[in-house]
PDB file of N, CA and C in Angstrom:
ATOM      1  N   TYR A   1     -11.408  24.086  19.612  1.00  0.00           N
ATOM      2  CA  TYR A   1     -10.697  22.968  19.031  1.00  0.00           C
ATOM      3  C   TYR A   1     -11.374  22.565  17.740  1.00  0.00           C
ATOM      4  N   SER A   2     -10.594  22.096  16.804  1.00  0.00           N
ATOM      5  CA  SER A   2     -11.163  21.739  15.511  1.00  0.00           C
ATOM      6  C   SER A   2     -11.085  20.230  15.287  1.00  0.00           C
ATOM      7  N   TYR A   3     -12.038  19.542  15.871  1.00  0.00           N
ATOM      8  CA  TYR A   3     -12.092  18.100  15.686  1.00  0.00           C
ATOM      9  C   TYR A   3     -12.480  17.741  14.259  1.00  0.00           C
ATOM     10  N   ALA A   4     -13.236  18.609  13.592  1.00  0.00           N
ATOM     11  CA  ALA A   4     -13.615  18.347  12.200  1.00  0.00           C
ATOM     12  C   ALA A   4     -12.377  18.341  11.305  1.00  0.00           C
ATOM     13  N   ILE A   5     -11.477  19.285  11.511  1.00  0.00           N
ATOM     14  CA  ILE A   5     -10.233  19.311  10.731  1.00  0.00           C
ATOM     15  C   ILE A   5      -9.389  18.092  11.064  1.00  0.00           C
ATOM     16  N   ARG A   6      -9.318  17.736  12.344  1.00  0.00           N
ATOM     17  CA  ARG A   6      -8.566  16.548  12.755  1.00  0.00           C
ATOM     18  C   ARG A   6      -9.103  15.309  12.047  1.00  0.00           C
ATOM     19  N   ASP A   7     -10.420  15.140  12.060  1.00  0.00           N
ATOM     20  CA  ASP A   7     -11.033  13.980  11.421  1.00  0.00           C
ATOM     21  C   ASP A   7     -10.783  13.969   9.918  1.00  0.00           C
ATOM     22  N   ALA A   8     -10.813  15.140   9.290  1.00  0.00           N
ATOM     23  CA  ALA A   8     -10.567  15.223   7.848  1.00  0.00           C
ATOM     24  C   ALA A   8      -9.128  14.840   7.514  1.00  0.00           C
ATOM     25  N   ILE A   9      -8.180  15.325   8.296  1.00  0.00           N
ATOM     26  CA  ILE A   9      -6.771  14.981   8.067  1.00  0.00           C
ATOM     27  C   ILE A   9      -6.561  13.484   8.243  1.00  0.00           C
ATOM     28  N   LYS A  10      -7.178  12.936   9.282  1.00  0.00           N
ATOM     29  CA  LYS A  10      -7.029  11.506   9.564  1.00  0.00           C
ATOM     30  C   LYS A  10      -7.665  10.642   8.471  1.00  0.00           C
ATOM     31  N   ALA A  11      -8.718  11.156   7.841  1.00  0.00           N
ATOM     32  CA  ALA A  11      -9.461  10.381   6.847  1.00  0.00           C
ATOM     33  C   ALA A  11      -8.758  10.275   5.499  1.00  0.00           C
ATOM     34  N   VAL A  12      -7.843  11.183   5.221  1.00  0.00           N
ATOM     35  CA  VAL A  12      -7.159  11.163   3.925  1.00  0.00           C
ATOM     36  C   VAL A  12      -5.699  10.760   4.112  1.00  0.00           C
ATOM     37  N   ASP A  13      -5.120  10.268   3.047  1.00  0.00           N
ATOM     38  CA  ASP A  13      -3.738   9.793   3.114  1.00  0.00           C
ATOM     39  C   ASP A  13      -2.787  10.895   2.640  1.00  0.00           C
ATOM     40  N   ILE A  14      -2.629  11.920   3.473  1.00  0.00           N
ATOM     41  CA  ILE A  14      -1.695  13.000   3.162  1.00  0.00           C
ATOM     42  C   ILE A  14      -0.857  13.303   4.397  1.00  0.00           C
ATOM     43  N   LYS A  15       0.271  13.926   4.170  1.00  0.00           N
ATOM     44  CA  LYS A  15       1.109  14.371   5.276  1.00  0.00           C
ATOM     45  C   LYS A  15       0.767  15.826   5.555  1.00  0.00           C
ATOM     46  N   ALA A  16       0.177  16.084   6.697  1.00  0.00           N
ATOM     47  CA  ALA A  16      -0.223  17.442   7.059  1.00  0.00           C
ATOM     48  C   ALA A  16       0.765  18.024   8.062  1.00  0.00           C
ATOM     49  N   ILE A  17       0.906  19.341   8.013  1.00  0.00           N
ATOM     50  CA  ILE A  17       1.752  20.070   8.956  1.00  0.00           C
ATOM     51  C   ILE A  17       0.883  21.122   9.629  1.00  0.00           C
ATOM     52  N   GLU A  18       0.954  21.174  10.936  1.00  0.00           N
ATOM     53  CA  GLU A  18       0.235  22.206  11.687  1.00  0.00           C
ATOM     54  C   GLU A  18       1.150  23.419  11.813  1.00  0.00           C
ATOM     55  N   VAL A  19       0.676  24.578  11.366  1.00  0.00           N
ATOM     56  CA  VAL A  19       1.497  25.790  11.352  1.00  0.00           C
ATOM     57  C   VAL A  19       0.798  26.900  12.130  1.00  0.00           C
ATOM     58  N   HIS A  20       1.557  27.562  13.008  1.00  0.00           N
ATOM     59  CA  HIS A  20       1.070  28.715  13.768  1.00  0.00           C
ATOM     60  C   HIS A  20       2.118  29.819  13.703  1.00  0.00           C
ATOM     61  N   LEU A  21       1.674  31.044  13.535  1.00  0.00           N
ATOM     62  CA  LEU A  21       2.599  32.175  13.545  1.00  0.00           C
ATOM     63  C   LEU A  21       3.195  32.375  14.931  1.00  0.00           C
ATOM     64  N   SER A  22       2.363  32.254  15.957  1.00  0.00           N
ATOM     65  CA  SER A  22       2.829  32.460  17.331  1.00  0.00           C
ATOM     66  C   SER A  22       3.163  31.122  17.977  1.00  0.00           C
ATOM     67  N   ASP A  23       3.852  31.183  19.097  1.00  0.00           N
ATOM     68  CA  ASP A  23       4.191  29.976  19.849  1.00  0.00           C
ATOM     69  C   ASP A  23       3.017  29.647  20.759  1.00  0.00           C
ATOM     70  N   ILE A  24       2.223  28.669  20.362  1.00  0.00           N
ATOM     71  CA  ILE A  24       1.013  28.365  21.117  1.00  0.00           C
ATOM     72  C   ILE A  24       1.313  27.839  22.515  1.00  0.00           C
ATOM     73  N   LYS A  25       2.497  27.335  22.730  1.00  0.00           N
ATOM     74  CA  LYS A  25       2.857  26.823  24.063  1.00  0.00           C
ATOM     75  C   LYS A  25       3.051  27.951  25.070  1.00  0.00           C
ATOM     76  N   ASN A  26       3.258  29.160  24.587  1.00  0.00           N
ATOM     77  CA  ASN A  26       3.448  30.316  25.462  1.00  0.00           C
ATOM     78  C   ASN A  26       2.245  31.255  25.442  1.00  0.00           C
ATOM     79  N   ARG A  27       1.098  30.740  25.074  1.00  0.00           N
ATOM     80  CA  ARG A  27      -0.112  31.562  25.019  1.00  0.00           C
ATOM     81  C   ARG A  27      -1.095  31.121  26.098  1.00  0.00           C
ATOM     82  N   GLU A  28      -2.321  31.566  25.993  1.00  0.00           N
ATOM     83  CA  GLU A  28      -3.341  31.214  26.966  1.00  0.00           C
ATOM     84  C   GLU A  28      -3.499  29.699  27.037  1.00  0.00           C
ATOM     85  N   SER A  29      -3.922  29.209  28.186  1.00  0.00           N
ATOM     86  CA  SER A  29      -3.994  27.758  28.390  1.00  0.00           C
ATOM     87  C   SER A  29      -4.900  27.067  27.374  1.00  0.00           C
ATOM     88  N   PHE A  30      -5.993  27.713  26.977  1.00  0.00           N
ATOM     89  CA  PHE A  30      -6.892  27.063  26.023  1.00  0.00           C
ATOM     90  C   PHE A  30      -6.283  26.967  24.625  1.00  0.00           C
ATOM     91  N   ARG A  31      -5.232  27.732  24.341  1.00  0.00           N
ATOM     92  CA  ARG A  31      -4.569  27.665  23.034  1.00  0.00           C
ATOM     93  C   ARG A  31      -3.434  26.638  23.005  1.00  0.00           C
ATOM     94  N   LYS A  32      -3.032  26.151  24.154  1.00  0.00           N
ATOM     95  CA  LYS A  32      -1.890  25.232  24.227  1.00  0.00           C
ATOM     96  C   LYS A  32      -2.218  23.833  23.733  1.00  0.00           C
ATOM     97  N   LYS A  33      -3.476  23.455  23.805  1.00  0.00           N
ATOM     98  CA  LYS A  33      -3.865  22.108  23.399  1.00  0.00           C
ATOM     99  C   LYS A  33      -4.153  22.074  21.901  1.00  0.00           C
ATOM    100  N   SER A  34      -3.514  21.161  21.220  1.00  0.00           N
ATOM    101  CA  SER A  34      -3.764  20.968  19.794  1.00  0.00           C
ATOM    102  C   SER A  34      -4.393  19.596  19.591  1.00  0.00           C
ATOM    103  N   VAL A  35      -5.559  19.577  18.989  1.00  0.00           N
ATOM    104  CA  VAL A  35      -6.198  18.291  18.716  1.00  0.00           C
ATOM    105  C   VAL A  35      -5.766  17.720  17.367  1.00  0.00           C
ATOM    106  N   ILE A  36      -5.144  18.547  16.530  1.00  0.00           N
ATOM    107  CA  ILE A  36      -4.707  18.019  15.232  1.00  0.00           C
ATOM    108  C   ILE A  36      -3.242  17.573  15.229  1.00  0.00           C
ATOM    109  N   ARG A  37      -2.480  17.963  16.213  1.00  0.00           N
ATOM    110  CA  ARG A  37      -1.062  17.579  16.253  1.00  0.00           C
ATOM    111  C   ARG A  37      -0.852  16.071  16.138  1.00  0.00           C
ATOM    112  N   PRO A  38      -1.642  15.240  16.823  1.00  0.00           N
ATOM    113  CA  PRO A  38      -1.418  13.794  16.719  1.00  0.00           C
ATOM    114  C   PRO A  38      -1.583  13.218  15.312  1.00  0.00           C
ATOM    115  N   VAL A  39      -2.304  13.907  14.435  1.00  0.00           N
ATOM    116  CA  VAL A  39      -2.501  13.391  13.075  1.00  0.00           C
ATOM    117  C   VAL A  39      -1.653  14.135  12.047  1.00  0.00           C
ATOM    118  N   CYS A  40      -0.809  15.032  12.506  1.00  0.00           N
ATOM    119  CA  CYS A  40       0.075  15.789  11.618  1.00  0.00           C
ATOM    120  C   CYS A  40       1.490  15.227  11.659  1.00  0.00           C
ATOM    121  N   LYS A  41       2.167  15.354  10.560  1.00  0.00           N
ATOM    122  CA  LYS A  41       3.558  14.903  10.473  1.00  0.00           C
ATOM    123  C   LYS A  41       4.466  15.772  11.336  1.00  0.00           C
ATOM    124  N   ARG A  42       4.115  17.062  11.431  1.00  0.00           N
ATOM    125  CA  ARG A  42       4.962  17.988  12.171  1.00  0.00           C
ATOM    126  C   ARG A  42       4.145  19.201  12.598  1.00  0.00           C
ATOM    127  N   GLN A  43       4.600  19.844  13.651  1.00  0.00           N
ATOM    128  CA  GLN A  43       4.014  21.107  14.098  1.00  0.00           C
ATOM    129  C   GLN A  43       5.118  22.162  14.086  1.00  0.00           C
ATOM    130  N   ILE A  44       4.848  23.288  13.440  1.00  0.00           N
ATOM    131  CA  ILE A  44       5.807  24.393  13.384  1.00  0.00           C
ATOM    132  C   ILE A  44       5.095  25.625  13.921  1.00  0.00           C
ATOM    133  N   CYS A  45       5.692  26.258  14.931  1.00  0.00           N
ATOM    134  CA  CYS A  45       5.038  27.429  15.513  1.00  0.00           C
ATOM    135  C   CYS A  45       6.067  28.370  16.124  1.00  0.00           C
ATOM    136  N   GLY A  46       5.631  29.624  16.254  1.00  0.00           N
ATOM    137  CA  GLY A  46       6.450  30.605  16.946  1.00  0.00           C
ATOM    138  C   GLY A  46       7.492  31.316  16.112  1.00  0.00           C
ATOM    139  N   LEU A  47       7.452  31.163  14.813  1.00  0.00           N
ATOM    140  CA  LEU A  47       8.463  31.784  13.954  1.00  0.00           C
ATOM    141  C   LEU A  47       7.893  32.916  13.108  1.00  0.00           C
ATOM    142  N   GLY A  48       6.701  33.370  13.435  1.00  0.00           N
ATOM    143  CA  GLY A  48       6.066  34.396  12.616  1.00  0.00           C
ATOM    144  C   GLY A  48       5.848  33.878  11.208  1.00  0.00           C
ATOM    145  N   LYS A  49       6.012  34.754  10.214  1.00  0.00           N
ATOM    146  CA  LYS A  49       5.807  34.324   8.823  1.00  0.00           C
ATOM    147  C   LYS A  49       6.799  33.243   8.414  1.00  0.00           C
ATOM    148  N   ASN A  50       7.909  33.151   9.090  1.00  0.00           N
ATOM    149  CA  ASN A  50       8.889  32.108   8.779  1.00  0.00           C
ATOM    150  C   ASN A  50       8.375  30.711   9.119  1.00  0.00           C
ATOM    151  N   SER A  51       7.330  30.626   9.924  1.00  0.00           N
ATOM    152  CA  SER A  51       6.709  29.323  10.190  1.00  0.00           C
ATOM    153  C   SER A  51       6.238  28.698   8.884  1.00  0.00           C
ATOM    154  N   TYR A  52       5.646  29.519   8.019  1.00  0.00           N
ATOM    155  CA  TYR A  52       5.167  29.013   6.732  1.00  0.00           C
ATOM    156  C   TYR A  52       6.324  28.650   5.808  1.00  0.00           C
ATOM    157  N   ILE A  53       7.363  29.424   5.819  1.00  0.00           N
ATOM    158  CA  ILE A  53       8.539  29.122   4.998  1.00  0.00           C
ATOM    159  C   ILE A  53       9.162  27.805   5.439  1.00  0.00           C
ATOM    160  N   LYS A  54       9.275  27.619   6.740  1.00  0.00           N
ATOM    161  CA  LYS A  54       9.835  26.373   7.261  1.00  0.00           C
ATOM    162  C   LYS A  54       8.948  25.183   6.893  1.00  0.00           C
ATOM    163  N   ALA A  55       7.640  25.372   6.924  1.00  0.00           N
ATOM    164  CA  ALA A  55       6.722  24.298   6.545  1.00  0.00           C
ATOM    165  C   ALA A  55       6.886  23.937   5.073  1.00  0.00           C
ATOM    166  N   ILE A  56       7.035  24.942   4.221  1.00  0.00           N
ATOM    167  CA  ILE A  56       7.254  24.681   2.793  1.00  0.00           C
ATOM    168  C   ILE A  56       8.571  23.946   2.588  1.00  0.00           C
ATOM    169  N   ASP A  57       9.613  24.378   3.280  1.00  0.00           N
ATOM    170  CA  ASP A  57      10.905  23.692   3.186  1.00  0.00           C
ATOM    171  C   ASP A  57      10.778  22.236   3.619  1.00  0.00           C
ATOM    172  N   PHE A  58      10.051  21.999   4.695  1.00  0.00           N
ATOM    173  CA  PHE A  58       9.853  20.637   5.183  1.00  0.00           C
ATOM    174  C   PHE A  58       9.134  19.790   4.131  1.00  0.00           C
ATOM    175  N   CYS A  59       8.115  20.363   3.505  1.00  0.00           N
ATOM    176  CA  CYS A  59       7.384  19.639   2.457  1.00  0.00           C
ATOM    177  C   CYS A  59       8.288  19.301   1.275  1.00  0.00           C
ATOM    178  N   MET A  60       9.140  20.226   0.908  1.00  0.00           N
ATOM    179  CA  MET A  60      10.040  20.005  -0.226  1.00  0.00           C
ATOM    180  C   MET A  60      11.050  18.896   0.060  1.00  0.00           C
ATOM    181  N   GLU A  61      11.402  18.711   1.324  1.00  0.00           N
ATOM    182  CA  GLU A  61      12.366  17.677   1.702  1.00  0.00           C
ATOM    183  C   GLU A  61      11.739  16.291   1.736  1.00  0.00           C
ATOM    184  N   GLN A  62      10.437  16.226   1.810  1.00  0.00           N
ATOM    185  CA  GLN A  62       9.755  14.931   1.936  1.00  0.00           C
ATOM    186  C   GLN A  62       9.623  14.221   0.608  1.00  0.00           C
TER     187      GLN A  62
END
């Protein structure tokens, strides 16, 4: 888990998006928990490289 990244996101005034190529909810149990999701505007996962495209689209809409 990356509590340091979570703390950094929380400390700055930006809208962060958590992006994963794979669907973390369908992976090993230790990968299912996200400690940064609560401080992110959105989580996008499971779309392969399209996860990043969707995240960019989301940013452009904001």
